[in-house]
Amino acid sequence: MKKYKNTLKEMKPFLLLWSTQAFSGLGSSMTSYGLVIWSYTQQGSALMTALLMVSSYAPYVLLSVFAGALSDKWNKKKTMLVCDTIAAATTVAVLVLLKNGALEIWHLYLLNAVNGLMNTVQQPASEVATTRVLPKKYYQRVGGLRYLSSSFSSILTPVIATAVLGLAGMEAVVAFDLVTFVVAFLTLAFGIRIPESREKEEGQEKLLASARKGIGYLKRERGIFDLILFLAAINLVASVYNAALPAMLLSREGGSEKVLGLVNAVTGIATLAGSILASFAGEPKSRVRVICNCLLFSMSTENFMLALGKTPLLWCIGAILGWIAIPLMNTNLDAILRLRVPEQMQGRVYSVRNSLQFFTIPIGYFLGGLLVDQVFEPIMAMQDKTGILAKAFGSGKGSGAAFLFFALAFAGIGVCLYFRRDRHLWELEKGAR
């Protein structure tokens, strides 16, 4: 008992930061979920809906390398508070437009771009803040806890958002988002101290020189660079998946808003189970092997189940198989980066990592929407109902998205097998700083 009390005392600043930010993240996820449904019902287009995420990720990708350099200079706490406040202002704008019946899809593109910009600056600051408030011995556990909050959000978002949408409408969902922001803001402002003294030596460094240091570090650390490229390729496949999923589950025979919510909730439950496992798992003999195996298992199961399954039960089984191993992968990825990258370089390295690892996400969302609307749905529309493709993937709207999932399964497996043979990744096993 004394050991647990000591652990809680040492982790208290992190636990406060993690729990309140997770609560705020739930509110944001509910708003995003509601707006995806609103967009698809308004437009009926996978591409138009996918562009919501494209507009959010574009500034994040384009400006991350500079944002991290700024983050290393700026006060972490103030940076997070300012970014959260501006992001909350965009939520207020959505609420005002909704109440006046004036909300249009282009408003969401613009507001998502502002949100993406704020996340660009906040994310590296948050990563460094976590490193500073947390003793090194808890890094393995933190990856699991952070995925724990993500999984709870995945479980609760579709359930709560669907209930609130049905009872009180989209305005109530946005109002809840604002309440969660206030809780997180006040806790960070008055309840958490984030040390800043370690960054003084970098204070006078020019922005471009600081950004070049992050890029230069990755050039020297080829193993980390290739690991980032691996995740970038996986993110491309995953974002195509994310763009196609609502289109399939909202329009395919047997699908509906409730089914979309169910599959998302099951995804959250699977992630929760994986997070609990990751939180209590010890340090593996090979973190790289765990990362490769987890991603290979995910890519070789869920996409096939979504493509060939024709009932919510099979889609839910696919969600379990696809997501249960992801928290373990992420925990080991997080540990590798925190242990190998010097703390004074983390803001810059994380920001360059964000640009390289996540630049494929807006591309994937755009491709996913485009492929569903312009390629796979038209192909399936031309098929005879007795043909091979129709028998495999069904017929009618949504069958094209199912066909796309089948192609994604092979793409994901190919990426995993290619990078598994990368010798630079295995050099990361030689030890961490």
Protein backbone atom coordinates (compact mmCIF):
# COMPACT_ATOMS: atom_id res chain seq x y z
CA MET A 1 0.00 0.00 0.00
CA LYS A 2 2.86 2.35 0.82
CA LYS A 3 4.34 1.66 -2.62
CA TYR A 4 1.08 2.57 -4.36
CA LYS A 5 0.72 5.76 -2.30
CA ASN A 6 4.24 6.78 -3.25
CA THR A 7 3.53 6.04 -6.91
CA LEU A 8 0.38 8.17 -6.85
CA LYS A 9 2.26 11.00 -5.17
CA GLU A 10 5.03 10.93 -7.78
CA MET A 11 2.53 10.74 -10.66
CA LYS A 12 0.02 13.27 -9.25
CA PRO A 13 0.91 16.19 -11.59
CA PHE A 14 0.73 13.91 -14.61
CA LEU A 15 -2.50 12.27 -13.48
CA LEU A 16 -4.16 15.68 -13.04
CA LEU A 17 -2.97 16.79 -16.47
CA TRP A 18 -3.88 13.50 -18.13
CA SER A 19 -7.36 13.12 -16.61
CA THR A 20 -8.58 16.67 -17.24
CA GLN A 21 -7.14 16.81 -20.75
CA ALA A 22 -8.79 13.44 -21.43
CA PHE A 23 -12.12 14.85 -20.22
CA SER A 24 -11.73 17.81 -22.53
CA GLY A 25 -10.76 15.41 -25.32
CA LEU A 26 -14.05 13.55 -24.80
CA GLY A 27 -15.97 16.77 -25.37
CA SER A 28 -13.98 17.55 -28.50
CA SER A 29 -14.47 14.01 -29.82
CA MET A 30 -18.22 14.24 -29.29
CA THR A 31 -18.36 17.46 -31.28
CA SER A 32 -16.25 15.98 -34.09
CA TYR A 33 -18.39 12.84 -34.16
CA GLY A 34 -21.61 14.85 -34.33
CA LEU A 35 -20.25 17.07 -37.09
CA VAL A 36 -19.17 14.06 -39.19
CA ILE A 37 -22.73 12.73 -39.05
CA TRP A 38 -24.11 16.22 -39.74
CA SER A 39 -21.78 16.63 -42.73
CA TYR A 40 -22.53 13.24 -44.28
CA THR A 41 -26.30 13.67 -43.88
CA GLN A 42 -26.06 17.13 -45.44
CA GLN A 43 -23.76 16.25 -48.35
CA GLY A 44 -23.99 12.44 -48.79
CA SER A 45 -20.36 12.50 -49.94
CA ALA A 46 -17.44 10.62 -48.42
CA LEU A 47 -15.03 13.14 -49.94
CA MET A 48 -16.79 16.21 -48.50
CA THR A 49 -16.83 14.59 -45.07
CA ALA A 50 -13.19 13.48 -45.34
CA LEU A 51 -12.17 17.06 -46.13
CA LEU A 52 -13.10 17.94 -42.54
CA MET A 53 -10.04 16.00 -41.39
CA VAL A 54 -7.91 17.22 -44.30
CA SER A 55 -8.51 20.83 -43.24
CA SER A 56 -7.65 19.94 -39.65
CA TYR A 57 -4.42 18.08 -40.40
CA ALA A 58 -3.04 20.29 -43.19
CA PRO A 59 -1.75 23.12 -40.95
CA TYR A 60 -0.59 20.54 -38.41
CA VAL A 61 1.60 18.89 -41.01
CA LEU A 62 2.84 22.01 -42.77
CA LEU A 63 3.82 23.99 -39.68
CA SER A 64 4.77 21.36 -37.10
CA VAL A 65 8.51 21.64 -37.72
CA PHE A 66 8.45 25.35 -36.77
CA ALA A 67 5.86 24.93 -34.02
CA GLY A 68 8.13 22.54 -32.14
CA ALA A 69 11.03 24.98 -32.27
CA LEU A 70 8.74 27.68 -30.86
CA SER A 71 7.44 25.24 -28.27
CA ASP A 72 10.98 24.61 -27.00
CA LYS A 73 11.36 28.37 -26.46
CA TRP A 74 7.95 29.19 -24.98
CA ASN A 75 6.54 28.51 -21.56
CA LYS A 76 4.83 25.11 -21.88
CA LYS A 77 1.92 25.89 -19.57
CA LYS A 78 1.09 29.23 -21.18
CA THR A 79 1.38 27.72 -24.64
CA MET A 80 -1.12 24.98 -23.80
CA LEU A 81 -3.55 27.43 -22.17
CA VAL A 82 -3.52 29.86 -25.10
CA CYS A 83 -3.95 27.09 -27.68
CA ASP A 84 -6.83 25.55 -25.72
CA THR A 85 -8.54 28.93 -25.45
CA ILE A 86 -8.38 29.63 -29.18
CA ALA A 87 -9.60 26.12 -29.95
CA ALA A 88 -12.51 26.67 -27.56
CA ALA A 89 -13.33 29.90 -29.40
CA THR A 90 -13.84 27.89 -32.60
CA THR A 91 -16.27 25.66 -30.71
CA VAL A 92 -18.18 28.75 -29.60
CA ALA A 93 -18.34 29.84 -33.24
CA VAL A 94 -19.87 26.48 -34.21
CA LEU A 95 -22.46 26.86 -31.44
CA VAL A 96 -23.41 30.38 -32.56
CA LEU A 97 -23.75 29.33 -36.19
CA LEU A 98 -25.87 26.34 -35.20
CA LYS A 99 -28.21 28.41 -33.04
CA ASN A 100 -28.75 30.80 -35.95
CA GLY A 101 -29.21 28.04 -38.52
CA ALA A 102 -26.26 29.39 -40.50
CA LEU A 103 -23.73 26.56 -40.21
CA GLU A 104 -22.33 25.44 -43.58
CA ILE A 105 -19.69 22.90 -44.51
CA TRP A 106 -17.12 25.58 -45.46
CA HIS A 107 -17.40 27.04 -41.96
CA LEU A 108 -16.27 23.71 -40.57
CA TYR A 109 -13.31 23.54 -42.95
CA LEU A 110 -12.14 26.97 -41.78
CA LEU A 111 -12.68 26.31 -38.08
CA ASN A 112 -11.00 22.89 -38.33
CA ALA A 113 -7.96 24.57 -39.90
CA VAL A 114 -7.70 26.93 -36.91
CA ASN A 115 -8.06 23.97 -34.54
CA GLY A 116 -5.35 22.12 -36.43
CA LEU A 117 -3.01 25.09 -36.14
CA MET A 118 -3.52 25.27 -32.39
CA ASN A 119 -2.92 21.55 -32.04
CA THR A 120 0.28 21.99 -34.03
CA VAL A 121 1.71 24.26 -31.35
CA GLN A 122 0.15 22.57 -28.35
CA GLN A 123 1.09 18.96 -29.07
CA PRO A 124 4.91 19.25 -28.78
CA ALA A 125 4.47 21.47 -25.70
CA SER A 126 2.24 18.83 -24.15
CA GLU A 127 4.73 16.04 -24.93
CA VAL A 128 7.58 17.92 -23.24
CA ALA A 129 5.32 18.88 -20.31
CA THR A 130 4.54 15.19 -19.79
CA THR A 131 8.26 14.36 -19.76
CA ARG A 132 8.92 17.06 -17.16
CA VAL A 133 6.16 16.24 -14.70
CA LEU A 134 6.74 12.49 -14.83
CA PRO A 135 9.65 10.43 -13.39
CA LYS A 136 11.48 8.43 -16.05
CA LYS A 137 10.59 5.07 -14.49
CA TYR A 138 6.90 5.56 -15.39
CA TYR A 139 7.34 6.11 -19.14
CA GLN A 140 6.21 2.56 -20.01
CA ARG A 141 3.07 2.95 -17.90
CA VAL A 142 2.21 6.37 -19.33
CA GLY A 143 1.80 5.09 -22.88
CA GLY A 144 -0.85 2.68 -21.64
CA LEU A 145 -2.61 5.33 -19.55
CA ARG A 146 -2.80 7.76 -22.44
CA TYR A 147 -4.31 5.09 -24.64
CA LEU A 148 -6.63 4.25 -21.75
CA SER A 149 -8.14 7.73 -21.95
CA SER A 150 -8.31 7.46 -25.73
CA SER A 151 -10.18 4.18 -25.49
CA PHE A 152 -12.64 5.52 -22.93
CA SER A 153 -13.26 8.43 -25.29
CA SER A 154 -13.85 6.01 -28.17
CA ILE A 155 -16.34 4.04 -26.08
CA LEU A 156 -18.21 7.00 -24.64
CA THR A 157 -18.16 9.35 -27.63
CA PRO A 158 -20.65 7.51 -29.89
CA VAL A 159 -22.83 6.47 -26.94
CA ILE A 160 -23.10 9.90 -25.29
CA ALA A 161 -23.05 11.88 -28.53
CA THR A 162 -25.82 9.78 -30.08
CA ALA A 163 -27.95 10.10 -26.93
CA VAL A 164 -27.41 13.85 -26.64
CA LEU A 165 -28.01 14.36 -30.36
CA GLY A 166 -31.30 12.50 -30.12
CA LEU A 167 -32.50 14.23 -26.96
CA ALA A 168 -31.18 17.78 -27.26
CA GLY A 169 -29.56 18.22 -30.66
CA MET A 170 -26.12 19.23 -31.90
CA GLU A 171 -26.12 22.43 -29.83
CA ALA A 172 -26.10 20.45 -26.58
CA VAL A 173 -23.14 18.36 -27.79
CA VAL A 174 -21.14 21.53 -28.46
CA ALA A 175 -22.16 23.00 -25.08
CA PHE A 176 -20.84 19.88 -23.32
CA ASP A 177 -17.57 20.32 -25.19
CA LEU A 178 -17.24 23.83 -23.75
CA VAL A 179 -17.88 22.60 -20.21
CA THR A 180 -15.07 20.04 -20.51
CA PHE A 181 -12.75 22.78 -21.78
CA VAL A 182 -13.41 24.94 -18.72
CA VAL A 183 -12.58 22.05 -16.36
CA ALA A 184 -9.31 21.28 -18.15
CA PHE A 185 -8.34 24.94 -18.43
CA LEU A 186 -8.84 25.73 -14.73
CA THR A 187 -6.99 22.59 -13.62
CA LEU A 188 -3.98 23.35 -15.82
CA ALA A 189 -3.97 27.05 -14.90
CA PHE A 190 -4.20 26.66 -11.13
CA GLY A 191 -3.54 23.03 -10.22
CA ILE A 192 -0.43 21.94 -12.13
CA ARG A 193 3.13 23.24 -12.04
CA ILE A 194 5.28 22.51 -15.09
CA PRO A 195 9.03 23.15 -14.62
CA GLU A 196 10.55 25.49 -17.20
CA SER A 197 14.13 26.01 -16.03
CA ARG A 198 15.69 23.35 -18.28
CA GLU A 199 15.01 25.26 -21.50
CA LYS A 200 16.76 28.53 -20.68
CA GLU A 201 19.91 27.65 -22.59
CA GLU A 202 17.89 27.46 -25.81
CA GLY A 203 16.10 30.74 -25.29
CA GLN A 204 18.16 32.88 -27.67
CA GLU A 205 18.43 30.41 -30.52
CA LYS A 206 16.89 31.52 -33.81
CA LEU A 207 13.75 29.76 -35.00
CA LEU A 208 15.14 28.30 -38.23
CA ALA A 209 18.35 27.17 -36.53
CA SER A 210 16.30 25.50 -33.81
CA ALA A 211 14.12 23.71 -36.38
CA ARG A 212 17.23 22.58 -38.30
CA LYS A 213 18.54 20.96 -35.13
CA GLY A 214 15.45 18.75 -34.96
CA ILE A 215 15.87 17.77 -38.61
CA GLY A 216 19.60 17.21 -38.13
CA TYR A 217 19.00 14.94 -35.16
CA LEU A 218 16.76 12.67 -37.23
CA LYS A 219 19.34 12.57 -40.02
CA ARG A 220 21.85 11.20 -37.54
CA GLU A 221 19.40 8.83 -35.86
CA ARG A 222 18.42 6.71 -38.86
CA GLY A 223 16.57 4.15 -36.76
CA ILE A 224 14.15 6.74 -35.37
CA PHE A 225 13.82 8.32 -38.82
CA ASP A 226 12.85 4.99 -40.41
CA LEU A 227 10.47 4.26 -37.53
CA ILE A 228 8.73 7.56 -38.28
CA LEU A 229 8.52 6.66 -41.98
CA PHE A 230 6.99 3.29 -41.00
CA LEU A 231 4.30 5.04 -38.98
CA ALA A 232 3.75 7.55 -41.82
CA ALA A 233 2.98 4.69 -44.21
CA ILE A 234 0.66 3.07 -41.66
CA ASN A 235 -1.08 6.42 -41.14
CA LEU A 236 -1.72 6.67 -44.87
CA VAL A 237 -3.53 3.31 -44.83
CA ALA A 238 -5.32 4.13 -41.57
CA SER A 239 -6.59 7.52 -42.75
CA VAL A 240 -8.00 5.99 -45.95
CA TYR A 241 -9.75 3.54 -43.61
CA ASN A 242 -11.09 6.39 -41.44
CA ALA A 243 -12.42 8.25 -44.47
CA ALA A 244 -14.21 5.16 -45.82
CA LEU A 245 -15.67 3.84 -42.56
CA PRO A 246 -18.56 6.34 -42.11
CA ALA A 247 -19.41 6.06 -45.80
CA MET A 248 -19.74 2.29 -45.52
CA LEU A 249 -21.50 2.00 -42.16
CA LEU A 250 -23.94 4.86 -42.76
CA SER A 251 -25.04 3.71 -46.23
CA ARG A 252 -24.42 -0.03 -46.59
CA GLU A 253 -27.25 -2.53 -46.17
CA GLY A 254 -27.39 -3.33 -42.46
CA GLY A 255 -25.65 -0.08 -41.53
CA SER A 256 -26.96 3.08 -39.85
CA GLU A 257 -25.96 5.83 -37.42
CA LYS A 258 -26.50 3.34 -34.58
CA VAL A 259 -24.26 0.76 -36.26
CA LEU A 260 -21.53 3.37 -36.80
CA GLY A 261 -21.81 4.26 -33.12
CA LEU A 262 -21.73 0.59 -32.13
CA VAL A 263 -18.59 -0.17 -34.13
CA ASN A 264 -16.87 2.95 -32.75
CA ALA A 265 -17.85 1.96 -29.22
CA VAL A 266 -16.51 -1.58 -29.70
CA THR A 267 -13.31 -0.07 -31.07
CA GLY A 268 -13.05 1.88 -27.83
CA ILE A 269 -13.67 -1.23 -25.73
CA ALA A 270 -10.94 -3.11 -27.61
CA THR A 271 -8.57 -0.20 -27.17
CA LEU A 272 -9.45 -0.05 -23.47
CA ALA A 273 -8.61 -3.73 -23.05
CA GLY A 274 -5.33 -3.21 -24.89
CA SER A 275 -4.57 -0.14 -22.79
CA ILE A 276 -5.02 -2.04 -19.54
CA LEU A 277 -2.70 -4.72 -20.86
CA ALA A 278 -0.13 -2.13 -21.93
CA SER A 279 -0.33 -0.29 -18.59
CA PHE A 280 0.66 -3.39 -16.62
CA ALA A 281 2.98 -5.00 -19.17
CA GLY A 282 6.65 -5.07 -18.33
CA GLU A 283 9.43 -3.94 -20.60
CA PRO A 284 9.63 -6.33 -23.57
CA LYS A 285 12.86 -7.87 -24.81
CA SER A 286 12.33 -6.16 -28.17
CA ARG A 287 10.21 -3.01 -28.48
CA VAL A 288 10.71 -2.96 -32.25
CA ARG A 289 9.37 -6.50 -32.58
CA VAL A 290 6.31 -5.60 -30.54
CA ILE A 291 5.62 -2.57 -32.74
CA CYS A 292 5.96 -4.58 -35.98
CA ASN A 293 3.90 -7.53 -34.77
CA CYS A 294 1.09 -5.40 -33.35
CA LEU A 295 0.68 -3.43 -36.57
CA LEU A 296 0.86 -6.55 -38.74
CA PHE A 297 -1.85 -8.23 -36.66
CA SER A 298 -4.07 -5.16 -36.87
CA MET A 299 -3.68 -4.66 -40.61
CA SER A 300 -4.21 -8.34 -41.47
CA THR A 301 -7.49 -8.73 -39.56
CA GLU A 302 -9.88 -5.77 -39.33
CA ASN A 303 -9.86 -4.65 -42.97
CA PHE A 304 -10.76 -8.15 -44.18
CA MET A 305 -13.61 -8.37 -41.66
CA LEU A 306 -15.00 -4.99 -42.74
CA ALA A 307 -14.66 -5.87 -46.41
CA LEU A 308 -16.15 -9.36 -46.37
CA GLY A 309 -18.46 -9.17 -43.35
CA LYS A 310 -22.06 -8.18 -43.96
CA THR A 311 -23.42 -7.89 -40.43
CA PRO A 312 -22.71 -5.54 -37.48
CA LEU A 313 -21.47 -8.53 -35.47
CA LEU A 314 -18.66 -9.29 -37.93
CA TRP A 315 -17.77 -5.60 -38.23
CA CYS A 316 -17.51 -5.41 -34.43
CA ILE A 317 -15.30 -8.51 -34.30
CA GLY A 318 -13.09 -6.84 -36.88
CA ALA A 319 -12.88 -3.71 -34.73
CA ILE A 320 -11.75 -5.79 -31.74
CA LEU A 321 -9.04 -7.57 -33.72
CA GLY A 322 -7.88 -4.38 -35.38
CA TRP A 323 -7.51 -2.25 -32.26
CA ILE A 324 -6.72 -4.43 -29.26
CA ALA A 325 -2.97 -4.51 -30.00
CA ILE A 326 -2.57 -0.84 -30.94
CA PRO A 327 -2.09 0.52 -27.37
CA LEU A 328 0.78 -1.94 -26.80
CA MET A 329 2.37 -0.75 -30.03
CA ASN A 330 1.95 2.88 -29.09
CA THR A 331 3.31 2.36 -25.57
CA ASN A 332 6.55 0.93 -26.91
CA LEU A 333 6.81 3.60 -29.60
CA ASP A 334 6.38 6.30 -26.97
CA ALA A 335 9.01 4.69 -24.72
CA ILE A 336 11.55 4.46 -27.55
CA LEU A 337 11.20 8.15 -28.35
CA ARG A 338 11.29 9.37 -24.75
CA LEU A 339 14.28 7.21 -23.85
CA ARG A 340 16.39 7.88 -26.94
CA VAL A 341 15.68 11.55 -27.66
CA PRO A 342 17.38 13.98 -25.22
CA GLU A 343 14.82 16.04 -23.32
CA GLN A 344 16.19 19.39 -24.54
CA MET A 345 15.62 18.18 -28.11
CA GLN A 346 12.22 16.56 -27.63
CA GLY A 347 10.07 19.54 -28.63
CA ARG A 348 11.91 19.98 -31.92
CA VAL A 349 12.20 16.27 -32.65
CA TYR A 350 8.55 15.61 -31.85
CA SER A 351 7.50 18.47 -34.12
CA VAL A 352 9.60 17.21 -37.03
CA ARG A 353 8.22 13.75 -36.27
CA ASN A 354 4.70 15.17 -36.50
CA SER A 355 5.34 16.69 -39.93
CA LEU A 356 6.89 13.48 -41.30
CA GLN A 357 4.68 10.92 -39.56
CA PHE A 358 1.37 12.72 -40.03
CA PHE A 359 1.72 14.35 -43.46
CA THR A 360 0.17 11.21 -44.94
CA ILE A 361 -3.03 11.63 -42.91
CA PRO A 362 -4.63 14.49 -44.90
CA ILE A 363 -3.48 12.75 -48.08
CA GLY A 364 -5.09 9.53 -46.89
CA TYR A 365 -8.37 11.20 -45.96
CA PHE A 366 -8.53 12.92 -49.34
CA LEU A 367 -7.66 9.69 -51.17
CA GLY A 368 -10.16 7.71 -49.11
CA GLY A 369 -13.04 10.04 -49.92
CA LEU A 370 -12.00 10.29 -53.56
CA LEU A 371 -11.56 6.54 -53.98
CA VAL A 372 -14.95 5.78 -52.43
CA ASP A 373 -16.88 8.39 -54.43
CA GLN A 374 -15.06 8.26 -57.76
CA VAL A 375 -13.54 4.77 -58.08
CA PHE A 376 -14.85 1.95 -55.90
CA GLU A 377 -18.53 2.94 -55.66
CA PRO A 378 -18.80 3.40 -59.46
CA ILE A 379 -17.06 0.06 -60.00
CA MET A 380 -19.51 -1.73 -57.72
CA ALA A 381 -22.48 0.11 -59.28
CA MET A 382 -21.59 -1.51 -62.62
CA GLN A 383 -21.47 -5.04 -61.20
CA ASP A 384 -24.14 -7.62 -61.78
CA LYS A 385 -25.63 -8.85 -58.50
CA THR A 386 -24.60 -12.38 -59.38
CA GLY A 387 -20.98 -11.42 -60.08
CA ILE A 388 -17.96 -12.28 -57.91
CA LEU A 389 -17.47 -8.76 -56.57
CA ALA A 390 -21.13 -8.39 -55.65
CA LYS A 391 -21.12 -11.72 -53.86
CA ALA A 392 -17.97 -10.74 -51.95
CA PHE A 393 -18.76 -7.12 -51.06
CA GLY A 394 -22.53 -6.79 -51.54
CA SER A 395 -24.37 -4.36 -53.78
CA GLY A 396 -25.74 -0.85 -53.50
CA LYS A 397 -24.18 2.18 -51.85
CA GLY A 398 -21.47 1.24 -49.36
CA SER A 399 -20.31 -1.85 -51.24
CA GLY A 400 -17.58 0.21 -52.92
CA ALA A 401 -16.20 1.20 -49.51
CA ALA A 402 -16.18 -2.50 -48.57
CA PHE A 403 -14.16 -3.27 -51.72
CA LEU A 404 -11.71 -0.51 -50.72
CA PHE A 405 -11.22 -2.11 -47.29
CA PHE A 406 -10.23 -5.34 -49.03
CA ALA A 407 -7.51 -3.47 -50.94
CA LEU A 408 -6.38 -1.71 -47.76
CA ALA A 409 -5.77 -5.04 -46.04
CA PHE A 410 -3.10 -5.97 -48.58
CA ALA A 411 -1.63 -2.47 -48.54
CA GLY A 412 -1.25 -2.56 -44.75
CA ILE A 413 0.30 -6.03 -44.72
CA GLY A 414 2.77 -4.98 -47.41
CA VAL A 415 3.88 -1.93 -45.42
CA CYS A 416 4.46 -4.00 -42.27
CA LEU A 417 6.46 -6.69 -44.06
CA TYR A 418 8.61 -4.11 -45.88
CA PHE A 419 9.64 -2.19 -42.75
CA ARG A 420 10.06 -5.34 -40.71
CA ARG A 421 13.14 -6.01 -42.84
CA ASP A 422 14.61 -2.52 -42.22
CA ARG A 423 17.92 -3.08 -40.40
CA HIS A 424 17.97 0.48 -39.06
CA LEU A 425 14.84 -0.22 -37.01
CA TRP A 426 16.52 -3.16 -35.30
CA GLU A 427 19.50 -0.97 -34.41
CA LEU A 428 17.18 0.77 -31.94
CA GLU A 429 17.45 -2.38 -29.81
CA LYS A 430 21.10 -1.64 -29.04
CA GLY A 431 20.20 0.60 -26.12
CA ALA A 432 18.60 3.87 -25.21
CA ARG A 433 20.00 7.02 -23.72
